[in-house]
Amino acid sequence: MQVRRVPGTALANQTNSDIIYTPPVGLALLRQKLANWEFYLHEQQDLDSLIRMAVGHYQFETIHPFTNGNGRTGRVLNSLYLTQENLLTLPILYLSRYIINNKADYYRFLLGVTRYRDWEYWLYYLIQGVAETALWTTAKIAAIRALHNMTIDHVKKPRLKFIAESWWI
């Protein structure tokens, strides 16, 4: 994907089409903001990784660097970042489920940071999402493992052997 080059991108309220947010415009400005975002994630070592992830997610979403797929990309970047920070061994934390299920809060808290610098609710929201998603993912992995073990047990059970002649008698 290439960085957005077209002006006129605006995020609107889905119910009444009011413009809620207009992301930055101009290739040079977008590249500068993306460089700042990357620097923040890699150089601000004095902050907890979960806080940096939440702030970094806000930054990425407000930069809105692509014409399409910013939300999905931002959510994938969260998991990759937590993996890079050794908080996950694999990028399997599916935050999209939490964000989509709590979409109104997601947009309200994002906008709260943009308009009022209200970081507390945003940070709590996203960290709560990580906690809930971690519990859900752990339960899902346990269910998959249980099903895997049941399948192995089922395959190992002895089967009745049919003699071809007995079918004709």
Protein backbone atom coordinates (compact mmCIF):
# COMPACT_ATOMS: atom_id res chain seq x y z
CA MET A 1 0.00 0.00 0.00
CA GLN A 2 1.13 3.50 -0.69
CA VAL A 3 0.68 6.52 1.54
CA ARG A 4 -2.46 8.46 0.68
CA ARG A 5 -1.83 11.21 -1.87
CA VAL A 6 -5.37 12.42 -2.39
CA PRO A 7 -6.85 15.29 -0.39
CA GLY A 8 -10.44 15.36 0.74
CA THR A 9 -10.44 12.32 3.00
CA ALA A 10 -12.78 12.87 5.92
CA LEU A 11 -14.33 10.59 8.51
CA ALA A 12 -18.07 11.10 8.88
CA ASN A 13 -20.78 10.09 11.32
CA GLN A 14 -22.50 7.05 9.77
CA THR A 15 -25.97 8.13 10.90
CA ASN A 16 -26.05 11.78 9.83
CA SER A 17 -22.93 12.15 7.60
CA ASP A 18 -21.53 15.00 9.73
CA ILE A 19 -17.75 15.30 9.35
CA ILE A 20 -16.17 14.11 12.58
CA TYR A 21 -12.51 14.24 11.69
CA THR A 22 -10.35 15.32 8.78
CA PRO A 23 -6.94 13.64 8.75
CA PRO A 24 -3.78 15.47 7.70
CA VAL A 25 -3.30 16.13 3.99
CA GLY A 26 -0.19 16.08 1.84
CA LEU A 27 2.34 13.36 1.17
CA ALA A 28 5.21 15.17 2.91
CA LEU A 29 3.13 15.81 6.05
CA LEU A 30 1.84 12.23 6.15
CA ARG A 31 5.37 10.86 5.81
CA GLN A 32 6.58 13.21 8.57
CA LYS A 33 3.78 12.07 10.88
CA LEU A 34 4.45 8.41 10.10
CA ALA A 35 8.14 8.92 10.90
CA ASN A 36 7.13 10.53 14.21
CA TRP A 37 4.79 7.61 14.92
CA GLU A 38 7.56 5.10 14.23
CA PHE A 39 10.04 7.06 16.35
CA TYR A 40 7.57 7.17 19.24
CA LEU A 41 6.96 3.40 19.18
CA HIS A 42 10.65 2.53 19.07
CA GLU A 43 12.29 5.28 21.11
CA GLN A 44 9.95 6.03 24.03
CA GLN A 45 11.29 3.21 26.17
CA ASP A 46 10.39 4.98 29.43
CA LEU A 47 6.69 4.14 28.95
CA ASP A 48 5.00 0.78 29.38
CA SER A 49 4.61 -1.12 26.10
CA LEU A 50 0.81 -1.31 26.43
CA ILE A 51 0.63 2.47 26.86
CA ARG A 52 2.89 2.96 23.84
CA MET A 53 0.73 0.56 21.82
CA ALA A 54 -2.45 2.48 22.71
CA VAL A 55 -0.88 5.87 21.98
CA GLY A 56 0.68 4.51 18.80
CA HIS A 57 -2.68 3.14 17.68
CA TYR A 58 -4.27 6.53 18.23
CA GLN A 59 -1.47 8.19 16.24
CA PHE A 60 -1.77 5.77 13.35
CA GLU A 61 -5.55 6.07 13.13
CA THR A 62 -5.47 9.87 13.23
CA ILE A 63 -2.72 10.02 10.59
CA HIS A 64 -5.01 7.82 8.46
CA PRO A 65 -2.20 7.26 5.92
CA PHE A 66 -4.04 5.09 3.40
CA THR A 67 -7.14 5.58 1.29
CA ASN A 68 -8.51 2.26 2.55
CA GLY A 69 -7.74 -0.29 5.26
CA ASN A 70 -6.41 2.03 7.98
CA GLY A 71 -8.48 0.39 10.72
CA ARG A 72 -7.53 -3.17 9.82
CA THR A 73 -3.90 -2.19 9.37
CA GLY A 74 -3.85 -0.36 12.69
CA ARG A 75 -5.32 -3.35 14.52
CA VAL A 76 -2.80 -5.75 12.95
CA LEU A 77 0.01 -3.38 13.88
CA ASN A 78 -1.09 -3.60 17.53
CA SER A 79 -0.49 -7.36 17.60
CA LEU A 80 2.78 -7.06 15.72
CA TYR A 81 3.96 -4.37 18.12
CA LEU A 82 3.10 -6.47 21.18
CA THR A 83 5.00 -9.36 19.60
CA GLN A 84 7.99 -7.11 18.96
CA GLU A 85 7.87 -6.00 22.59
CA ASN A 86 7.84 -9.67 23.71
CA LEU A 87 4.41 -9.39 25.29
CA LEU A 88 3.18 -11.98 22.78
CA THR A 89 5.13 -14.88 21.34
CA LEU A 90 2.93 -14.88 18.23
CA PRO A 91 0.74 -12.08 16.85
CA ILE A 92 -2.52 -13.85 17.74
CA LEU A 93 -4.26 -11.18 19.79
CA TYR A 94 -7.31 -10.40 17.66
CA LEU A 95 -8.22 -6.93 18.95
CA SER A 96 -10.54 -6.40 15.99
CA ARG A 97 -13.24 -8.45 17.70
CA TYR A 98 -13.20 -6.21 20.78
CA ILE A 99 -13.02 -2.97 18.79
CA ILE A 100 -15.82 -3.98 16.42
CA ASN A 101 -18.03 -5.12 19.32
CA ASN A 102 -17.40 -1.80 21.09
CA LYS A 103 -17.19 0.41 18.00
CA ALA A 104 -19.17 3.36 19.39
CA ASP A 105 -16.84 3.60 22.40
CA TYR A 106 -13.82 3.21 20.13
CA TYR A 107 -14.75 6.22 18.03
CA ARG A 108 -15.96 8.24 21.02
CA PHE A 109 -12.69 7.76 22.89
CA LEU A 110 -10.54 8.38 19.79
CA LEU A 111 -12.42 11.61 19.22
CA GLY A 112 -12.12 12.46 22.92
CA VAL A 113 -8.34 12.43 22.61
CA THR A 114 -8.44 14.49 19.42
CA ARG A 115 -10.83 17.12 20.73
CA TYR A 116 -10.16 17.24 24.47
CA ARG A 117 -6.83 15.46 25.01
CA ASP A 118 -8.76 12.89 27.07
CA TRP A 119 -6.14 10.17 27.14
CA GLU A 120 -7.34 8.41 30.28
CA TYR A 121 -10.53 6.94 28.77
CA TRP A 122 -8.75 6.01 25.55
CA LEU A 123 -5.92 4.22 27.35
CA TYR A 124 -8.32 2.41 29.67
CA TYR A 125 -10.51 1.37 26.72
CA LEU A 126 -7.67 -0.10 24.68
CA ILE A 127 -5.89 -1.78 27.60
CA GLN A 128 -9.23 -3.25 28.72
CA GLY A 129 -9.57 -4.52 25.16
CA VAL A 130 -6.18 -6.22 25.37
CA ALA A 131 -7.14 -7.85 28.69
CA GLU A 132 -10.54 -9.09 27.47
CA THR A 133 -9.10 -10.26 24.18
CA ALA A 134 -6.28 -12.11 25.95
CA LEU A 135 -8.80 -13.98 28.10
CA TRP A 136 -11.00 -14.77 25.09
CA THR A 137 -7.98 -15.92 23.07
CA THR A 138 -6.69 -18.11 25.90
CA ALA A 139 -10.10 -19.78 26.20
CA LYS A 140 -10.25 -20.25 22.41
CA ILE A 141 -6.79 -21.85 22.38
CA ALA A 142 -7.81 -24.17 25.23
CA ALA A 143 -10.95 -25.20 23.29
CA ILE A 144 -8.89 -25.87 20.16
CA ARG A 145 -6.42 -27.96 22.14
CA ALA A 146 -9.25 -29.94 23.75
CA LEU A 147 -10.81 -30.59 20.35
CA HIS A 148 -7.39 -31.61 19.00
CA ASN A 149 -6.92 -34.09 21.85
CA MET A 150 -10.45 -35.48 21.37
CA THR A 151 -9.73 -35.97 17.69
CA ILE A 152 -6.49 -37.81 18.44
CA ASP A 153 -8.29 -40.07 20.94
CA HIS A 154 -11.05 -40.74 18.42
CA VAL A 155 -8.60 -41.66 15.66
CA LYS A 156 -6.66 -44.00 17.97
CA LYS A 157 -9.75 -46.02 19.00
CA PRO A 158 -9.81 -49.51 17.56
CA ARG A 159 -12.33 -49.94 14.77
CA LEU A 160 -14.51 -52.93 13.99
CA LYS A 161 -13.15 -54.95 11.16
CA PHE A 162 -15.65 -56.08 8.60
CA ILE A 163 -15.16 -59.27 6.71
CA ALA A 164 -16.17 -58.91 3.11
CA GLU A 165 -18.13 -62.17 3.12
CA SER A 166 -20.32 -61.07 6.04
CA TRP A 167 -21.86 -58.37 3.86
CA TRP A 168 -23.28 -61.00 1.52
CA ILE A 169 -24.74 -63.35 4.11
